[in-house]
Amino acid sequence: MYKVIRNTKYDYIGQSYSSSYPNLHKYPATMLPQIGIDVLKELNISDGRLLDPYCGSGSSFASGLECGIKEMYGCDINPLAVLLSRVKFTKISTDKLLETRKVFRDNLYDFIKNECNVETLPRPQITNIDFWFSKEVADNLTMIKYFIDNIKDSDIKSFFLLPFSETVRECSYYSRKI
């Protein structure tokens, strides 16, 4: 029989990821950056390189930055995890982001003035798409994705893809079943 000894130093009761860091997208099994910060401090790590082979939502990167580590690398089998980490830790100009949002919005509004325009867009090749989305939702998502794909700056495009991903999940039939 093992005796369990509780170390309250590692209790993070009442804390969440967003207690200290922005939560840009829902992601399962997200580690609290506070845990990584405490471990790095306990090991006196404040420089060097950090490799996170399962970067997920980027908690280890947040911990590394907090402790002074400037060179970090990560990968993940889930492309959403890579996108989430990349967006969270890529510096972009707020002015450029706001300008792109304005152009995006204006182009989308002009496009939807003619309801037939959506039929001119290439349809996503998703097996059983009508199992996941109504036709109206699939059409709207197709239009949004089309205009995101037309953003030239890859960092800005990634920034737009993140809320698009969350939108796709939220407006799918699946999200209503949970």
N, C-alpha and C. Protein backbone atom coordinates (compact mmCIF):
# COMPACT_ATOMS: atom_id res chain seq x y z
N MET A 1 0.85 -1.18 0.00
CA MET A 1 0.00 0.00 0.00
C MET A 1 0.89 1.24 0.00
N TYR A 2 0.57 2.17 -0.86
CA TYR A 2 1.31 3.43 -0.93
C TYR A 2 0.63 4.48 -0.07
N LYS A 3 1.45 5.22 0.62
CA LYS A 3 0.92 6.32 1.41
C LYS A 3 1.02 7.59 0.56
N VAL A 4 -0.09 8.25 0.39
CA VAL A 4 -0.11 9.47 -0.40
C VAL A 4 0.14 10.65 0.52
N ILE A 5 1.13 11.43 0.17
CA ILE A 5 1.44 12.63 0.94
C ILE A 5 1.08 13.83 0.07
N ARG A 6 0.19 14.62 0.55
CA ARG A 6 -0.24 15.77 -0.24
C ARG A 6 0.68 16.95 0.02
N ASN A 7 1.22 17.50 -1.06
CA ASN A 7 2.06 18.67 -0.97
C ASN A 7 1.23 19.86 -1.47
N THR A 8 0.76 20.66 -0.54
CA THR A 8 -0.13 21.77 -0.90
C THR A 8 0.59 22.84 -1.73
N LYS A 9 1.92 22.77 -1.80
CA LYS A 9 2.67 23.71 -2.64
C LYS A 9 2.22 23.59 -4.09
N TYR A 10 1.80 22.39 -4.49
CA TYR A 10 1.41 22.15 -5.86
C TYR A 10 -0.10 22.13 -6.06
N ASP A 11 -0.84 22.65 -5.11
CA ASP A 11 -2.28 22.83 -5.30
C ASP A 11 -2.51 24.15 -6.03
N TYR A 12 -3.24 24.08 -7.07
CA TYR A 12 -3.56 25.28 -7.83
C TYR A 12 -5.07 25.49 -7.81
N ILE A 13 -5.65 25.22 -6.65
CA ILE A 13 -7.09 25.33 -6.48
C ILE A 13 -7.52 26.77 -6.73
N GLY A 14 -8.57 26.90 -7.54
CA GLY A 14 -9.10 28.22 -7.83
C GLY A 14 -8.41 28.93 -8.98
N GLN A 15 -7.34 28.35 -9.50
CA GLN A 15 -6.64 28.98 -10.62
C GLN A 15 -7.04 28.28 -11.91
N SER A 16 -7.00 29.03 -12.97
CA SER A 16 -7.24 28.44 -14.29
C SER A 16 -6.16 28.96 -15.22
N TYR A 17 -6.16 28.45 -16.43
CA TYR A 17 -5.18 28.89 -17.41
C TYR A 17 -5.29 30.40 -17.58
N SER A 18 -6.52 30.87 -17.67
CA SER A 18 -6.73 32.29 -17.95
C SER A 18 -6.58 33.17 -16.71
N SER A 19 -6.20 32.59 -15.58
CA SER A 19 -5.92 33.43 -14.40
C SER A 19 -4.77 34.38 -14.69
N SER A 20 -3.81 33.93 -15.46
CA SER A 20 -2.62 34.74 -15.74
C SER A 20 -2.33 34.93 -17.23
N TYR A 21 -2.90 34.10 -18.09
CA TYR A 21 -2.54 34.11 -19.51
C TYR A 21 -3.81 34.07 -20.36
N PRO A 22 -3.76 34.69 -21.54
CA PRO A 22 -4.97 34.70 -22.38
C PRO A 22 -5.30 33.30 -22.88
N ASN A 23 -6.57 32.98 -22.88
CA ASN A 23 -7.03 31.70 -23.38
C ASN A 23 -7.69 31.97 -24.73
N LEU A 24 -6.97 31.77 -25.81
CA LEU A 24 -7.44 32.15 -27.14
C LEU A 24 -8.37 31.14 -27.77
N HIS A 25 -8.36 29.91 -27.30
CA HIS A 25 -9.13 28.84 -27.93
C HIS A 25 -9.32 27.73 -26.91
N LYS A 26 -10.47 27.10 -26.92
CA LYS A 26 -10.67 25.96 -26.03
C LYS A 26 -9.75 24.83 -26.50
N TYR A 27 -9.08 24.21 -25.53
CA TYR A 27 -8.18 23.11 -25.86
C TYR A 27 -8.22 22.12 -24.70
N PRO A 28 -8.35 20.82 -25.00
CA PRO A 28 -8.47 19.84 -23.91
C PRO A 28 -7.15 19.63 -23.16
N ALA A 29 -7.26 19.29 -21.92
CA ALA A 29 -6.10 18.91 -21.09
C ALA A 29 -5.00 19.95 -21.09
N THR A 30 -5.38 21.19 -20.93
CA THR A 30 -4.40 22.27 -20.91
C THR A 30 -3.70 22.33 -19.55
N MET A 31 -2.38 22.32 -19.57
CA MET A 31 -1.61 22.44 -18.33
C MET A 31 -1.60 23.90 -17.88
N LEU A 32 -1.69 24.11 -16.61
CA LEU A 32 -1.57 25.47 -16.08
C LEU A 32 -0.12 25.93 -16.23
N PRO A 33 0.11 27.10 -16.83
CA PRO A 33 1.48 27.60 -16.93
C PRO A 33 2.12 27.78 -15.55
N GLN A 34 1.31 28.02 -14.54
CA GLN A 34 1.82 28.19 -13.19
C GLN A 34 2.60 26.95 -12.72
N ILE A 35 2.19 25.77 -13.17
CA ILE A 35 2.89 24.54 -12.80
C ILE A 35 4.30 24.56 -13.41
N GLY A 36 4.37 24.86 -14.71
CA GLY A 36 5.67 24.92 -15.38
C GLY A 36 6.58 25.98 -14.77
N ILE A 37 6.02 27.12 -14.43
CA ILE A 37 6.80 28.20 -13.81
C ILE A 37 7.40 27.71 -12.50
N ASP A 38 6.59 27.08 -11.67
CA ASP A 38 7.09 26.58 -10.39
C ASP A 38 8.18 25.53 -10.56
N VAL A 39 8.00 24.62 -11.53
CA VAL A 39 9.00 23.58 -11.77
C VAL A 39 10.31 24.20 -12.28
N LEU A 40 10.22 25.12 -13.25
CA LEU A 40 11.42 25.76 -13.78
C LEU A 40 12.15 26.55 -12.69
N LYS A 41 11.41 27.25 -11.85
CA LYS A 41 12.04 28.00 -10.76
C LYS A 41 12.68 27.07 -9.75
N GLU A 42 12.00 25.97 -9.45
CA GLU A 42 12.53 25.00 -8.50
C GLU A 42 13.85 24.40 -9.00
N LEU A 43 13.96 24.24 -10.31
CA LEU A 43 15.18 23.69 -10.91
C LEU A 43 16.19 24.77 -11.29
N ASN A 44 15.90 26.02 -10.94
CA ASN A 44 16.77 27.17 -11.23
C ASN A 44 17.07 27.32 -12.72
N ILE A 45 16.06 27.11 -13.54
CA ILE A 45 16.23 27.26 -14.99
C ILE A 45 15.68 28.61 -15.40
N SER A 46 16.57 29.45 -15.93
CA SER A 46 16.15 30.79 -16.34
C SER A 46 16.71 31.19 -17.71
N ASP A 47 17.40 30.26 -18.35
CA ASP A 47 17.88 30.53 -19.70
C ASP A 47 18.09 29.19 -20.40
N GLY A 48 18.58 29.24 -21.62
CA GLY A 48 18.79 28.01 -22.38
C GLY A 48 17.68 27.84 -23.40
N ARG A 49 17.45 26.60 -23.78
CA ARG A 49 16.43 26.27 -24.79
C ARG A 49 15.38 25.38 -24.16
N LEU A 50 14.16 25.53 -24.66
CA LEU A 50 13.07 24.70 -24.18
C LEU A 50 12.48 23.97 -25.38
N LEU A 51 12.33 22.66 -25.27
CA LEU A 51 11.68 21.86 -26.30
C LEU A 51 10.42 21.26 -25.69
N ASP A 52 9.29 21.51 -26.33
CA ASP A 52 8.03 20.92 -25.89
C ASP A 52 7.53 20.04 -27.03
N PRO A 53 7.73 18.71 -26.93
CA PRO A 53 7.33 17.82 -28.02
C PRO A 53 5.83 17.61 -28.12
N TYR A 54 5.06 18.11 -27.14
CA TYR A 54 3.61 18.03 -27.14
C TYR A 54 3.08 19.41 -26.78
N CYS A 55 3.30 20.39 -27.66
CA CYS A 55 3.11 21.79 -27.28
C CYS A 55 1.67 22.18 -26.97
N GLY A 56 0.68 21.42 -27.42
CA GLY A 56 -0.70 21.69 -27.05
C GLY A 56 -1.06 23.15 -27.16
N SER A 57 -1.52 23.73 -26.08
CA SER A 57 -1.95 25.13 -26.10
C SER A 57 -0.82 26.10 -25.78
N GLY A 58 0.39 25.61 -25.59
CA GLY A 58 1.54 26.49 -25.38
C GLY A 58 1.84 26.82 -23.93
N SER A 59 1.32 26.05 -23.00
CA SER A 59 1.56 26.33 -21.58
C SER A 59 3.04 26.34 -21.22
N SER A 60 3.79 25.40 -21.78
CA SER A 60 5.22 25.34 -21.47
C SER A 60 5.94 26.58 -21.98
N PHE A 61 5.50 27.09 -23.14
CA PHE A 61 6.11 28.31 -23.68
C PHE A 61 5.82 29.50 -22.78
N ALA A 62 4.59 29.58 -22.27
CA ALA A 62 4.24 30.67 -21.34
C ALA A 62 5.12 30.57 -20.09
N SER A 63 5.30 29.35 -19.61
CA SER A 63 6.15 29.14 -18.43
C SER A 63 7.59 29.55 -18.72
N GLY A 64 8.10 29.13 -19.88
CA GLY A 64 9.47 29.47 -20.26
C GLY A 64 9.69 30.97 -20.36
N LEU A 65 8.77 31.66 -21.01
CA LEU A 65 8.89 33.12 -21.13
C LEU A 65 8.89 33.78 -19.76
N GLU A 66 8.02 33.31 -18.90
CA GLU A 66 7.92 33.87 -17.55
C GLU A 66 9.23 33.71 -16.78
N CYS A 67 9.95 32.64 -17.07
CA CYS A 67 11.21 32.37 -16.36
C CYS A 67 12.44 32.88 -17.11
N GLY A 68 12.24 33.56 -18.23
CA GLY A 68 13.36 34.17 -18.93
C GLY A 68 13.92 33.40 -20.10
N ILE A 69 13.34 32.27 -20.43
CA ILE A 69 13.82 31.48 -21.57
C ILE A 69 13.33 32.14 -22.85
N LYS A 70 14.25 32.35 -23.78
CA LYS A 70 13.89 33.07 -24.99
C LYS A 70 13.88 32.18 -26.25
N GLU A 71 14.54 31.04 -26.19
CA GLU A 71 14.60 30.15 -27.35
C GLU A 71 13.79 28.89 -27.06
N MET A 72 12.68 28.75 -27.78
CA MET A 72 11.77 27.63 -27.51
C MET A 72 11.30 27.00 -28.81
N TYR A 73 11.11 25.69 -28.78
CA TYR A 73 10.68 24.93 -29.93
C TYR A 73 9.58 23.98 -29.48
N GLY A 74 8.65 23.72 -30.39
CA GLY A 74 7.59 22.78 -30.06
C GLY A 74 7.02 22.13 -31.29
N CYS A 75 6.39 21.01 -31.07
CA CYS A 75 5.68 20.31 -32.13
C CYS A 75 4.51 19.57 -31.48
N ASP A 76 3.60 19.13 -32.30
CA ASP A 76 2.45 18.39 -31.80
C ASP A 76 1.85 17.64 -32.97
N ILE A 77 1.25 16.51 -32.69
CA ILE A 77 0.59 15.74 -33.74
C ILE A 77 -0.70 16.43 -34.19
N ASN A 78 -1.23 17.30 -33.34
CA ASN A 78 -2.48 18.01 -33.64
C ASN A 78 -2.16 19.36 -34.28
N PRO A 79 -2.56 19.56 -35.54
CA PRO A 79 -2.26 20.84 -36.20
C PRO A 79 -2.91 22.04 -35.48
N LEU A 80 -4.04 21.82 -34.82
CA LEU A 80 -4.66 22.92 -34.07
C LEU A 80 -3.75 23.36 -32.93
N ALA A 81 -3.08 22.43 -32.28
CA ALA A 81 -2.16 22.77 -31.20
C ALA A 81 -1.01 23.63 -31.72
N VAL A 82 -0.48 23.25 -32.85
CA VAL A 82 0.62 24.02 -33.44
C VAL A 82 0.15 25.42 -33.79
N LEU A 83 -1.04 25.51 -34.40
CA LEU A 83 -1.60 26.82 -34.75
C LEU A 83 -1.82 27.66 -33.50
N LEU A 84 -2.40 27.07 -32.48
CA LEU A 84 -2.68 27.79 -31.23
C LEU A 84 -1.40 28.33 -30.60
N SER A 85 -0.39 27.50 -30.50
CA SER A 85 0.88 27.94 -29.92
C SER A 85 1.54 29.01 -30.77
N ARG A 86 1.50 28.83 -32.09
CA ARG A 86 2.12 29.79 -32.99
C ARG A 86 1.45 31.16 -32.86
N VAL A 87 0.12 31.18 -32.87
CA VAL A 87 -0.60 32.45 -32.78
C VAL A 87 -0.35 33.12 -31.43
N LYS A 88 -0.36 32.34 -30.39
CA LYS A 88 -0.20 32.89 -29.05
C LYS A 88 1.16 33.55 -28.84
N PHE A 89 2.19 33.05 -29.53
CA PHE A 89 3.54 33.54 -29.27
C PHE A 89 4.20 34.21 -30.47
N THR A 90 3.41 34.66 -31.42
CA THR A 90 3.94 35.42 -32.55
C THR A 90 3.52 36.88 -32.38
N LYS A 91 4.50 37.75 -32.40
CA LYS A 91 4.21 39.18 -32.28
C LYS A 91 3.74 39.71 -33.63
N ILE A 92 2.60 40.41 -33.59
CA ILE A 92 2.10 41.05 -34.80
C ILE A 92 1.67 42.47 -34.45
N SER A 93 1.68 43.31 -35.44
CA SER A 93 1.30 44.71 -35.26
C SER A 93 -0.21 44.81 -35.05
N THR A 94 -0.61 45.46 -33.98
CA THR A 94 -2.04 45.66 -33.72
C THR A 94 -2.66 46.48 -34.84
N ASP A 95 -1.94 47.51 -35.30
CA ASP A 95 -2.46 48.34 -36.39
C ASP A 95 -2.68 47.51 -37.66
N LYS A 96 -1.72 46.65 -37.97
CA LYS A 96 -1.84 45.80 -39.15
C LYS A 96 -3.00 44.82 -39.00
N LEU A 97 -3.17 44.29 -37.81
CA LEU A 97 -4.27 43.37 -37.54
C LEU A 97 -5.62 44.07 -37.70
N LEU A 98 -5.74 45.27 -37.15
CA LEU A 98 -6.99 46.02 -37.26
C LEU A 98 -7.29 46.42 -38.70
N GLU A 99 -6.26 46.79 -39.44
CA GLU A 99 -6.45 47.14 -40.86
C GLU A 99 -6.90 45.91 -41.65
N THR A 100 -6.28 44.76 -41.38
CA THR A 100 -6.67 43.53 -42.07
C THR A 100 -8.11 43.16 -41.72
N ARG A 101 -8.49 43.35 -40.47
CA ARG A 101 -9.87 43.06 -40.06
C ARG A 101 -10.86 43.92 -40.82
N LYS A 102 -10.52 45.20 -40.99
CA LYS A 102 -11.41 46.12 -41.71
C LYS A 102 -11.55 45.69 -43.17
N VAL A 103 -10.44 45.39 -43.82
CA VAL A 103 -10.47 44.95 -45.22
C VAL A 103 -11.26 43.64 -45.33
N PHE A 104 -10.99 42.72 -44.42
CA PHE A 104 -11.69 41.43 -44.39
C PHE A 104 -13.20 41.65 -44.29
N ARG A 105 -13.61 42.45 -43.32
CA ARG A 105 -15.04 42.73 -43.09
C ARG A 105 -15.67 43.40 -44.31
N ASP A 106 -15.01 44.42 -44.85
CA ASP A 106 -15.56 45.13 -46.00
C ASP A 106 -15.70 44.21 -47.22
N ASN A 107 -14.68 43.39 -47.47
CA ASN A 107 -14.73 42.46 -48.61
C ASN A 107 -15.85 41.42 -48.42
N LEU A 108 -15.98 40.92 -47.21
CA LEU A 108 -17.02 39.93 -46.94
C LEU A 108 -18.41 40.54 -47.10
N TYR A 109 -18.62 41.73 -46.56
CA TYR A 109 -19.92 42.40 -46.69
C TYR A 109 -20.25 42.68 -48.15
N ASP A 110 -19.29 43.13 -48.92
CA ASP A 110 -19.53 43.37 -50.35
C ASP A 110 -19.90 42.06 -51.06
N PHE A 111 -19.22 40.99 -50.68
CA PHE A 111 -19.45 39.69 -51.32
C PHE A 111 -20.86 39.17 -51.04
N ILE A 112 -21.32 39.30 -49.81
CA ILE A 112 -22.63 38.71 -49.46
C ILE A 112 -23.82 39.55 -49.92
N LYS A 113 -23.55 40.72 -50.48
CA LYS A 113 -24.65 41.52 -51.03
C LYS A 113 -25.36 40.77 -52.15
N ASN A 114 -24.62 39.95 -52.87
CA ASN A 114 -25.21 39.11 -53.91
C ASN A 114 -25.23 37.67 -53.37
N GLU A 115 -26.42 37.18 -53.04
CA GLU A 115 -26.55 35.86 -52.42
C GLU A 115 -26.03 34.73 -53.30
N CYS A 116 -25.96 34.96 -54.60
CA CYS A 116 -25.49 33.92 -55.53
C CYS A 116 -23.97 33.75 -55.49
N ASN A 117 -23.27 34.71 -54.92
CA ASN A 117 -21.81 34.65 -54.89
C ASN A 117 -21.28 33.40 -54.19
N VAL A 118 -21.97 32.96 -53.15
CA VAL A 118 -21.48 31.79 -52.40
C VAL A 118 -21.38 30.56 -53.30
N GLU A 119 -22.24 30.48 -54.30
CA GLU A 119 -22.23 29.31 -55.20
C GLU A 119 -20.99 29.31 -56.09
N THR A 120 -20.29 30.43 -56.19
CA THR A 120 -19.09 30.50 -57.03
C THR A 120 -17.84 30.01 -56.30
N LEU A 121 -17.94 29.84 -55.00
CA LEU A 121 -16.77 29.44 -54.21
C LEU A 121 -16.56 27.94 -54.25
N PRO A 122 -15.30 27.51 -54.22
CA PRO A 122 -15.05 26.06 -54.15
C PRO A 122 -15.55 25.51 -52.81
N ARG A 123 -16.23 24.41 -52.87
CA ARG A 123 -16.78 23.79 -51.67
C ARG A 123 -15.72 22.95 -50.97
N PRO A 124 -15.70 22.97 -49.65
CA PRO A 124 -14.74 22.11 -48.93
C PRO A 124 -15.08 20.64 -49.16
N GLN A 125 -14.07 19.85 -49.32
CA GLN A 125 -14.26 18.41 -49.54
C GLN A 125 -14.22 17.69 -48.19
N ILE A 126 -15.33 17.71 -47.51
CA ILE A 126 -15.45 17.10 -46.19
C ILE A 126 -16.48 15.99 -46.27
N THR A 127 -16.06 14.78 -45.93
CA THR A 127 -16.97 13.65 -45.94
C THR A 127 -18.10 13.90 -44.94
N ASN A 128 -19.32 13.67 -45.38
CA ASN A 128 -20.51 13.82 -44.52
C ASN A 128 -20.66 15.22 -43.95
N ILE A 129 -20.36 16.23 -44.74
CA ILE A 129 -20.43 17.61 -44.24
C ILE A 129 -21.81 17.94 -43.69
N ASP A 130 -22.88 17.36 -44.32
CA ASP A 130 -24.23 17.67 -43.83
C ASP A 130 -24.54 16.98 -42.50
N PHE A 131 -23.71 16.04 -42.09
CA PHE A 131 -23.84 15.47 -40.75
C PHE A 131 -23.37 16.49 -39.71
N TRP A 132 -22.39 17.30 -40.09
CA TRP A 132 -21.78 18.25 -39.16
C TRP A 132 -22.41 19.63 -39.19
N PHE A 133 -22.88 20.06 -40.37
CA PHE A 133 -23.35 21.45 -40.54
C PHE A 133 -24.60 21.51 -41.40
N SER A 134 -25.44 22.49 -41.10
CA SER A 134 -26.56 22.79 -42.01
C SER A 134 -25.96 23.41 -43.27
N LYS A 135 -26.73 23.44 -44.35
CA LYS A 135 -26.23 24.04 -45.60
C LYS A 135 -25.93 25.51 -45.39
N GLU A 136 -26.77 26.23 -44.67
CA GLU A 136 -26.55 27.65 -44.43
C GLU A 136 -25.24 27.88 -43.67
N VAL A 137 -25.00 27.09 -42.64
CA VAL A 137 -23.76 27.23 -41.87
C VAL A 137 -22.55 26.88 -42.72
N ALA A 138 -22.65 25.79 -43.49
CA ALA A 138 -21.54 25.40 -44.37
C ALA A 138 -21.24 26.51 -45.38
N ASP A 139 -22.29 27.13 -45.92
CA ASP A 139 -22.09 28.23 -46.87
C ASP A 139 -21.38 29.41 -46.19
N ASN A 140 -21.84 29.77 -45.01
CA ASN A 140 -21.24 30.90 -44.29
C ASN A 140 -19.78 30.63 -43.92
N LEU A 141 -19.51 29.42 -43.46
CA LEU A 141 -18.13 29.07 -43.12
C LEU A 141 -17.24 29.06 -44.37
N THR A 142 -17.79 28.60 -45.48
CA THR A 142 -17.04 28.59 -46.74
C THR A 142 -16.65 30.01 -47.14
N MET A 143 -17.59 30.95 -46.99
CA MET A 143 -17.29 32.35 -47.33
C MET A 143 -16.21 32.92 -46.41
N ILE A 144 -16.35 32.69 -45.12
CA ILE A 144 -15.37 33.21 -44.16
C ILE A 144 -14.00 32.64 -44.46
N LYS A 145 -13.93 31.34 -44.68
CA LYS A 145 -12.64 30.69 -44.95
C LYS A 145 -12.02 31.21 -46.24
N TYR A 146 -12.84 31.46 -47.23
CA TYR A 146 -12.35 32.00 -48.50
C TYR A 146 -11.63 33.33 -48.27
N PHE A 147 -12.22 34.20 -47.48
CA PHE A 147 -11.61 35.51 -47.25
C PHE A 147 -10.40 35.42 -46.31
N ILE A 148 -10.41 34.47 -45.40
CA ILE A 148 -9.21 34.24 -44.57
C ILE A 148 -8.06 33.76 -45.47
N ASP A 149 -8.37 32.85 -46.37
CA ASP A 149 -7.33 32.32 -47.27
C ASP A 149 -6.72 33.40 -48.15
N ASN A 150 -7.43 34.49 -48.38
CA ASN A 150 -6.92 35.58 -49.21
C ASN A 150 -6.04 36.57 -48.45
N ILE A 151 -5.86 36.38 -47.16
CA ILE A 151 -4.97 37.24 -46.38
C ILE A 151 -3.54 36.85 -46.73
N LYS A 152 -2.74 37.81 -47.15
CA LYS A 152 -1.38 37.53 -47.63
C LYS A 152 -0.38 37.24 -46.51
N ASP A 153 -0.43 38.01 -45.44
CA ASP A 153 0.52 37.86 -44.33
C ASP A 153 0.17 36.58 -43.55
N SER A 154 1.10 35.62 -43.54
CA SER A 154 0.81 34.32 -42.92
C SER A 154 0.58 34.41 -41.41
N ASP A 155 1.25 35.34 -40.71
CA ASP A 155 1.01 35.49 -39.27
C ASP A 155 -0.38 36.04 -38.99
N ILE A 156 -0.80 37.00 -39.78
CA ILE A 156 -2.15 37.57 -39.63
C ILE A 156 -3.19 36.51 -40.00
N LYS A 157 -2.93 35.77 -41.08
CA LYS A 157 -3.85 34.71 -41.49
C LYS A 157 -4.02 33.68 -40.38
N SER A 158 -2.92 33.29 -39.75
CA SER A 158 -2.99 32.34 -38.63
C SER A 158 -3.83 32.90 -37.49
N PHE A 159 -3.66 34.19 -37.23
CA PHE A 159 -4.44 34.84 -36.18
C PHE A 159 -5.94 34.74 -36.48
N PHE A 160 -6.34 34.90 -37.74
CA PHE A 160 -7.74 34.79 -38.13
C PHE A 160 -8.22 33.33 -38.12
N LEU A 161 -7.32 32.40 -38.42
CA LEU A 161 -7.71 30.98 -38.43
C LEU A 161 -8.09 30.46 -37.05
N LEU A 162 -7.49 31.02 -36.02
CA LEU A 162 -7.78 30.53 -34.67
C LEU A 162 -9.24 30.76 -34.26
N PRO A 163 -9.77 31.99 -34.35
CA PRO A 163 -11.19 32.14 -34.02
C PRO A 163 -12.10 31.43 -35.03
N PHE A 164 -11.61 31.28 -36.27
CA PHE A 164 -12.39 30.53 -37.25
C PHE A 164 -12.54 29.08 -36.77
N SER A 165 -11.47 28.50 -36.28
CA SER A 165 -11.52 27.13 -35.76
C SER A 165 -12.53 27.01 -34.63
N GLU A 166 -12.50 27.95 -33.71
CA GLU A 166 -13.45 27.94 -32.59
C GLU A 166 -14.88 28.11 -33.11
N THR A 167 -15.07 28.96 -34.11
CA THR A 167 -16.39 29.17 -34.70
C THR A 167 -16.90 27.90 -35.35
N VAL A 168 -16.04 27.22 -36.11
CA VAL A 168 -16.43 25.97 -36.76
C VAL A 168 -16.91 24.97 -35.71
N ARG A 169 -16.17 24.84 -34.64
CA ARG A 169 -16.56 23.90 -33.58
C ARG A 169 -17.88 24.29 -32.94
N GLU A 170 -18.03 25.56 -32.64
CA GLU A 170 -19.23 26.04 -31.94
C GLU A 170 -20.49 25.95 -32.78
N CYS A 171 -20.38 26.09 -34.10
CA CYS A 171 -21.61 26.08 -34.91
C CYS A 171 -21.86 24.72 -35.57
N SER A 172 -21.08 23.72 -35.22
CA SER A 172 -21.32 22.38 -35.75
C SER A 172 -22.44 21.70 -34.95
N TYR A 173 -23.06 20.72 -35.57
CA TYR A 173 -24.07 19.93 -34.85
C TYR A 173 -23.44 19.25 -33.64
N TYR A 174 -22.18 18.88 -33.74
CA TYR A 174 -21.50 18.18 -32.65
C TYR A 174 -21.53 18.99 -31.36
N SER A 175 -21.28 20.29 -31.46
CA SER A 175 -21.22 21.11 -30.24
C SER A 175 -22.57 21.17 -29.54
N ARG A 176 -23.64 20.96 -30.28
CA ARG A 176 -24.98 20.98 -29.67
C ARG A 176 -25.30 19.66 -28.99
N LYS A 177 -24.53 18.61 -29.31
CA LYS A 177 -24.77 17.29 -28.72
C LYS A 177 -24.05 17.11 -27.39
N ILE A 178 -23.07 17.97 -27.14
CA ILE A 178 -22.27 17.83 -25.92
C ILE A 178 -23.04 18.33 -24.73
